[in-house]
């Protein structure tokens, strides 16, 4: 289970270093093999490859009415491997789609990660918090 947030920087080639606390698990469990794709919220999803392969099968079974979501998720998916320094290359198309320029946030979301432009994530988080608690949390206690 991946959790926590990390402020990271894309280098000039579009690479980002996976934090050590996640890197070790990813190397030992999936040999550093990941898949990146777009998320409807505007960030990128970063999946360990075996988890993505399960998700990919689920997404492929969506009904025709979900074709736009299939195009977004499957049509933009790119397999990447961590290099010896624990970095992954984020393709220019994905960087552009998510507005990633330099400062980014990597969020552990359980089985996968979200990769956000840092400024957009801060703006989005403030906006979401201002909306208050969604109904689903009425039955949840912190």
Protein backbone atom coordinates (compact mmCIF):
# COMPACT_ATOMS: atom_id res chain seq x y z
CA UNK A 1 0.00 0.00 0.00
CA UNK A 2 1.41 3.33 -1.07
CA UNK A 3 0.60 6.41 0.97
CA UNK A 4 1.90 9.87 1.64
CA UNK A 5 2.92 12.76 -0.56
CA UNK A 6 6.29 13.74 -1.96
CA UNK A 7 7.30 17.06 -3.53
CA UNK A 8 9.51 16.19 -6.51
CA UNK A 9 11.14 17.91 -9.47
CA UNK A 10 11.10 16.86 -13.11
CA UNK A 11 14.56 17.12 -14.63
CA UNK A 12 15.27 18.68 -18.03
CA UNK A 13 14.65 15.32 -19.76
CA UNK A 14 11.27 14.83 -18.07
CA UNK A 15 12.45 12.28 -15.53
CA UNK A 16 11.27 12.13 -11.94
CA UNK A 17 12.90 10.23 -9.08
CA UNK A 18 10.67 7.85 -7.18
CA UNK A 19 11.15 8.44 -3.42
CA UNK A 20 13.29 5.79 -1.72
CA UNK A 21 10.47 4.63 0.56
CA UNK A 22 8.46 3.60 -2.53
CA UNK A 23 11.39 2.75 -4.81
CA UNK A 24 12.59 -0.17 -2.71
CA UNK A 25 9.14 -1.77 -2.67
CA UNK A 26 8.65 -1.21 -6.39
CA UNK A 27 12.02 -2.73 -7.25
CA UNK A 28 11.53 -5.78 -5.04
CA UNK A 29 7.87 -6.39 -5.94
CA UNK A 30 7.64 -5.43 -9.63
CA UNK A 31 11.28 -4.96 -10.70
CA UNK A 32 10.64 -1.22 -11.14
CA UNK A 33 8.12 -1.79 -13.94
CA UNK A 34 5.37 0.84 -13.96
CA UNK A 35 2.62 2.11 -16.23
CA UNK A 36 1.60 5.76 -16.51
CA UNK A 37 -1.66 7.05 -17.92
CA UNK A 38 -3.96 10.05 -17.75
CA UNK A 39 -6.65 10.57 -15.13
CA UNK A 40 -9.90 12.46 -15.84
CA UNK A 41 -9.04 14.89 -13.00
CA UNK A 42 -5.98 16.13 -14.89
CA UNK A 43 -3.19 14.28 -13.13
CA UNK A 44 -1.32 11.16 -14.16
CA UNK A 45 -1.84 7.72 -12.67
CA UNK A 46 1.26 5.66 -11.91
CA UNK A 47 0.59 1.94 -11.47
CA UNK A 48 2.89 -0.96 -10.67
CA UNK A 49 2.66 -2.96 -13.92
CA UNK A 50 0.84 -6.03 -12.49
CA UNK A 51 -1.79 -3.79 -10.86
CA UNK A 52 -2.21 -1.90 -14.15
CA UNK A 53 -2.63 -5.15 -16.06
CA UNK A 54 -5.61 -6.02 -13.82
CA UNK A 55 -7.07 -2.52 -14.21
CA UNK A 56 -6.52 -2.65 -17.96
CA UNK A 57 -8.66 -5.79 -18.17
CA UNK A 58 -11.44 -4.09 -16.18
CA UNK A 59 -11.31 -0.96 -18.33
CA UNK A 60 -11.38 -2.99 -21.56
CA UNK A 61 -14.72 -4.49 -20.43
CA UNK A 62 -16.41 -1.09 -20.03
CA UNK A 63 -19.56 -0.68 -22.15
CA UNK A 64 -19.47 1.31 -25.38
CA UNK A 65 -20.96 4.27 -23.52
CA UNK A 66 -17.64 4.55 -21.66
CA UNK A 67 -15.52 4.66 -24.83
CA UNK A 68 -14.21 8.19 -24.08
CA UNK A 69 -12.92 7.01 -20.68
CA UNK A 70 -11.35 3.94 -22.30
CA UNK A 71 -9.57 6.18 -24.80
CA UNK A 72 -8.29 8.41 -22.03
CA UNK A 73 -7.01 5.57 -19.83
CA UNK A 74 -5.95 2.91 -22.33
CA UNK A 75 -5.04 5.17 -25.24
CA UNK A 76 -2.60 7.17 -23.12
CA UNK A 77 -1.06 4.30 -21.12
CA UNK A 78 2.71 4.02 -21.39
CA UNK A 79 4.92 1.38 -19.79
CA UNK A 80 8.08 2.68 -18.12
CA UNK A 81 10.90 1.08 -16.16
CA UNK A 82 12.78 2.73 -13.34
CA UNK A 83 16.42 3.31 -14.20
CA UNK A 84 19.33 2.45 -11.91
CA UNK A 85 18.84 5.76 -10.07
CA UNK A 86 15.16 5.13 -9.39
CA UNK A 87 13.92 7.58 -12.02
CA UNK A 88 11.12 7.19 -14.52
CA UNK A 89 10.73 9.08 -17.77
CA UNK A 90 7.39 10.84 -18.18
CA UNK A 91 6.72 11.10 -21.91
CA UNK A 92 6.24 14.61 -23.34
CA UNK A 93 2.63 13.82 -24.30
CA UNK A 94 1.76 12.86 -20.74
CA UNK A 95 3.66 15.80 -19.23
CA UNK A 96 1.77 18.17 -21.53
CA UNK A 97 -1.62 16.56 -20.84
CA UNK A 98 -1.15 16.89 -17.05
CA UNK A 99 0.53 20.31 -17.19
CA UNK A 100 3.72 18.98 -15.62
CA UNK A 101 6.60 21.40 -16.07
CA UNK A 102 8.99 21.19 -13.13
CA UNK A 103 7.55 20.99 -9.60
CA UNK A 104 5.31 17.96 -9.09
CA UNK A 105 3.59 16.07 -6.27
CA UNK A 106 3.52 12.28 -6.05
CA UNK A 107 0.65 10.98 -3.93
CA UNK A 108 0.43 7.40 -2.68
CA UNK A 109 -3.16 6.25 -3.23
CA UNK A 110 -3.01 2.70 -1.92
CA UNK A 111 -2.37 0.45 -4.90
CA UNK A 112 -1.06 3.22 -7.16
CA UNK A 113 0.10 6.86 -7.28
CA UNK A 114 -1.17 10.14 -8.66
CA UNK A 115 1.35 12.55 -10.19
CA UNK A 116 0.23 16.19 -10.16
CA UNK A 117 1.63 19.54 -11.15
CA UNK A 118 2.41 20.97 -7.69
CA UNK A 119 0.60 24.29 -8.18
CA UNK A 120 -2.47 22.59 -9.66
CA UNK A 121 -2.56 20.08 -6.82
CA UNK A 122 -2.42 22.87 -4.21
CA UNK A 123 -5.20 24.77 -5.99
CA UNK A 124 -7.33 21.64 -6.38
CA UNK A 125 -6.85 20.58 -2.76
CA UNK A 126 -7.95 24.01 -1.49
CA UNK A 127 -10.98 23.93 -3.80
CA UNK A 128 -11.94 20.43 -2.68
CA UNK A 129 -11.58 21.28 1.02
CA UNK A 130 -13.72 24.39 0.57
CA UNK A 131 -16.56 22.22 -0.76
CA UNK A 132 -16.86 20.41 2.56
CA UNK A 133 -17.34 16.73 3.22
CA UNK A 134 -19.01 14.55 0.61
CA UNK A 135 -21.96 12.41 1.69
CA UNK A 136 -19.87 9.26 1.63
CA UNK A 137 -17.95 10.54 4.68
CA UNK A 138 -21.06 10.98 6.82
CA UNK A 139 -20.58 7.41 8.05
CA UNK A 140 -16.80 7.75 8.53
CA UNK A 141 -15.05 8.80 11.73
CA UNK A 142 -11.49 10.12 11.79
